[in-house]
Amino acid sequence: MAAGIPLEKEHDGTSKGQFGFRTPDGLFFDHCWLQTEDAIVDITADQFGAQKIIITTVGDSRYSQNLTERDLQKHIPRLSRRPNQWLSQWQNEYHSTSFLPK
């Protein structure tokens, strides 16, 4: 796993970021993706308006890693904040539907 996170909290979602995922308009967001020696696989880039699944080579300028797996463990709570908010909204919206466990 690889990850990038803008160096300053206030740089998340701005062009001042240097790490994470860079959107077509040049904004950087904290992000995680899978990476091997020569390939990047990203199954969640669509949250930034990109393709649903991206398979590309290491060196793709949209990806800029600055966290090791050890660092990532430390930053997981921050990186999880946005998906946890989405999950909570989804659960609140669909909790009353009969096909979901209560």
Protein backbone atom coordinates (compact mmCIF):
# COMPACT_ATOMS: atom_id res chain seq x y z
CA MET A 1 0.00 0.00 0.00
CA ALA A 2 1.16 3.52 -0.74
CA ALA A 3 -0.20 6.83 0.43
CA GLY A 4 0.32 10.51 0.12
CA ILE A 5 -0.86 13.26 2.39
CA PRO A 6 -0.38 17.01 1.91
CA LEU A 7 2.28 18.28 4.30
CA GLU A 8 0.03 20.84 5.97
CA LYS A 9 -3.58 20.12 6.91
CA GLU A 10 -4.72 23.32 5.21
CA HIS A 11 -3.11 22.19 1.94
CA ASP A 12 -5.50 19.22 1.51
CA GLY A 13 -7.63 20.01 -1.52
CA THR A 14 -5.44 22.86 -2.76
CA SER A 15 -2.80 23.30 -5.41
CA LYS A 16 -0.29 23.99 -2.60
CA GLY A 17 -0.18 20.29 -1.77
CA GLN A 18 2.65 18.17 -3.10
CA PHE A 19 1.65 14.67 -2.05
CA GLY A 20 -1.37 12.43 -2.42
CA PHE A 21 -3.62 12.31 -5.49
CA ARG A 22 -3.56 15.25 -7.92
CA THR A 23 -6.85 15.98 -9.68
CA PRO A 24 -6.99 17.29 -13.27
CA ASP A 25 -7.38 20.84 -11.92
CA GLY A 26 -4.12 20.49 -9.97
CA LEU A 27 -5.51 20.02 -6.45
CA PHE A 28 -3.89 17.50 -4.10
CA PHE A 29 -5.88 15.30 -1.71
CA ASP A 30 -4.79 12.74 0.86
CA HIS A 31 -5.21 9.32 -0.69
CA CYS A 32 -4.16 5.66 -0.55
CA TRP A 33 -3.53 3.27 -3.42
CA LEU A 34 -1.88 -0.07 -4.07
CA GLN A 35 1.61 0.01 -5.52
CA THR A 36 4.13 -2.58 -6.67
CA GLU A 37 7.63 -1.95 -8.01
CA ASP A 38 6.25 -0.78 -11.34
CA ALA A 39 2.46 -0.45 -11.12
CA ILE A 40 -0.19 1.59 -9.33
CA VAL A 41 -3.71 0.23 -8.85
CA ASP A 42 -6.30 2.68 -7.54
CA ILE A 43 -9.86 1.46 -6.96
CA THR A 44 -11.18 4.65 -5.34
CA ALA A 45 -9.97 7.51 -7.58
CA ASP A 46 -13.55 8.18 -8.67
CA GLN A 47 -14.06 10.09 -5.40
CA PHE A 48 -11.97 12.82 -7.05
CA GLY A 49 -13.81 12.71 -10.39
CA ALA A 50 -11.27 10.36 -12.00
CA GLN A 51 -11.93 6.93 -13.49
CA LYS A 52 -13.45 4.36 -11.15
CA ILE A 53 -10.38 2.12 -11.43
CA ILE A 54 -6.95 3.34 -12.49
CA ILE A 55 -4.11 0.99 -13.38
CA THR A 56 -0.99 2.90 -14.32
CA THR A 57 2.77 2.86 -13.99
CA VAL A 58 4.76 4.11 -11.02
CA GLY A 59 5.75 7.65 -11.84
CA ASP A 60 2.26 8.73 -12.93
CA SER A 61 2.20 12.42 -11.96
CA ARG A 62 -1.24 12.11 -10.35
CA TYR A 63 0.31 10.07 -7.52
CA SER A 64 2.89 11.40 -5.11
CA GLN A 65 3.75 9.17 -2.17
CA ASN A 66 5.24 10.54 1.03
CA LEU A 67 4.08 7.96 3.59
CA THR A 68 5.61 4.56 4.24
CA GLU A 69 3.38 1.72 5.42
CA ARG A 70 4.57 2.46 8.96
CA ASP A 71 3.63 6.13 8.59
CA LEU A 72 0.31 5.10 7.11
CA GLN A 73 -0.63 3.17 10.23
CA LYS A 74 -0.14 6.36 12.22
CA HIS A 75 -2.25 8.44 9.79
CA ILE A 76 -5.10 5.95 9.21
CA PRO A 77 -7.47 7.81 11.59
CA ARG A 78 -7.07 11.03 9.58
CA LEU A 79 -7.24 9.28 6.22
CA SER A 80 -10.35 7.38 7.35
CA ARG A 81 -12.29 10.48 8.37
CA ARG A 82 -13.85 11.19 4.94
CA PRO A 83 -14.90 7.58 4.14
CA ASN A 84 -16.30 7.20 7.65
CA GLN A 85 -18.45 10.31 7.11
CA TRP A 86 -19.76 8.86 3.83
CA LEU A 87 -20.54 5.54 5.48
CA SER A 88 -22.38 7.27 8.30
CA GLN A 89 -24.45 9.33 5.84
CA TRP A 90 -25.27 6.23 3.81
CA GLN A 91 -26.28 4.30 6.93
CA ASN A 92 -28.49 7.15 8.13
CA GLU A 93 -30.16 7.47 4.73
CA TYR A 94 -30.79 3.76 4.14
CA HIS A 95 -31.12 2.43 7.71
CA SER A 96 -34.89 2.13 7.41
CA THR A 97 -34.80 -0.05 4.31
CA SER A 98 -35.80 -3.62 4.99
CA PHE A 99 -32.85 -5.28 3.26
CA LEU A 100 -30.26 -3.89 5.68
CA PRO A 101 -29.62 -5.34 9.14
CA LYS A 102 -30.57 -3.06 12.00
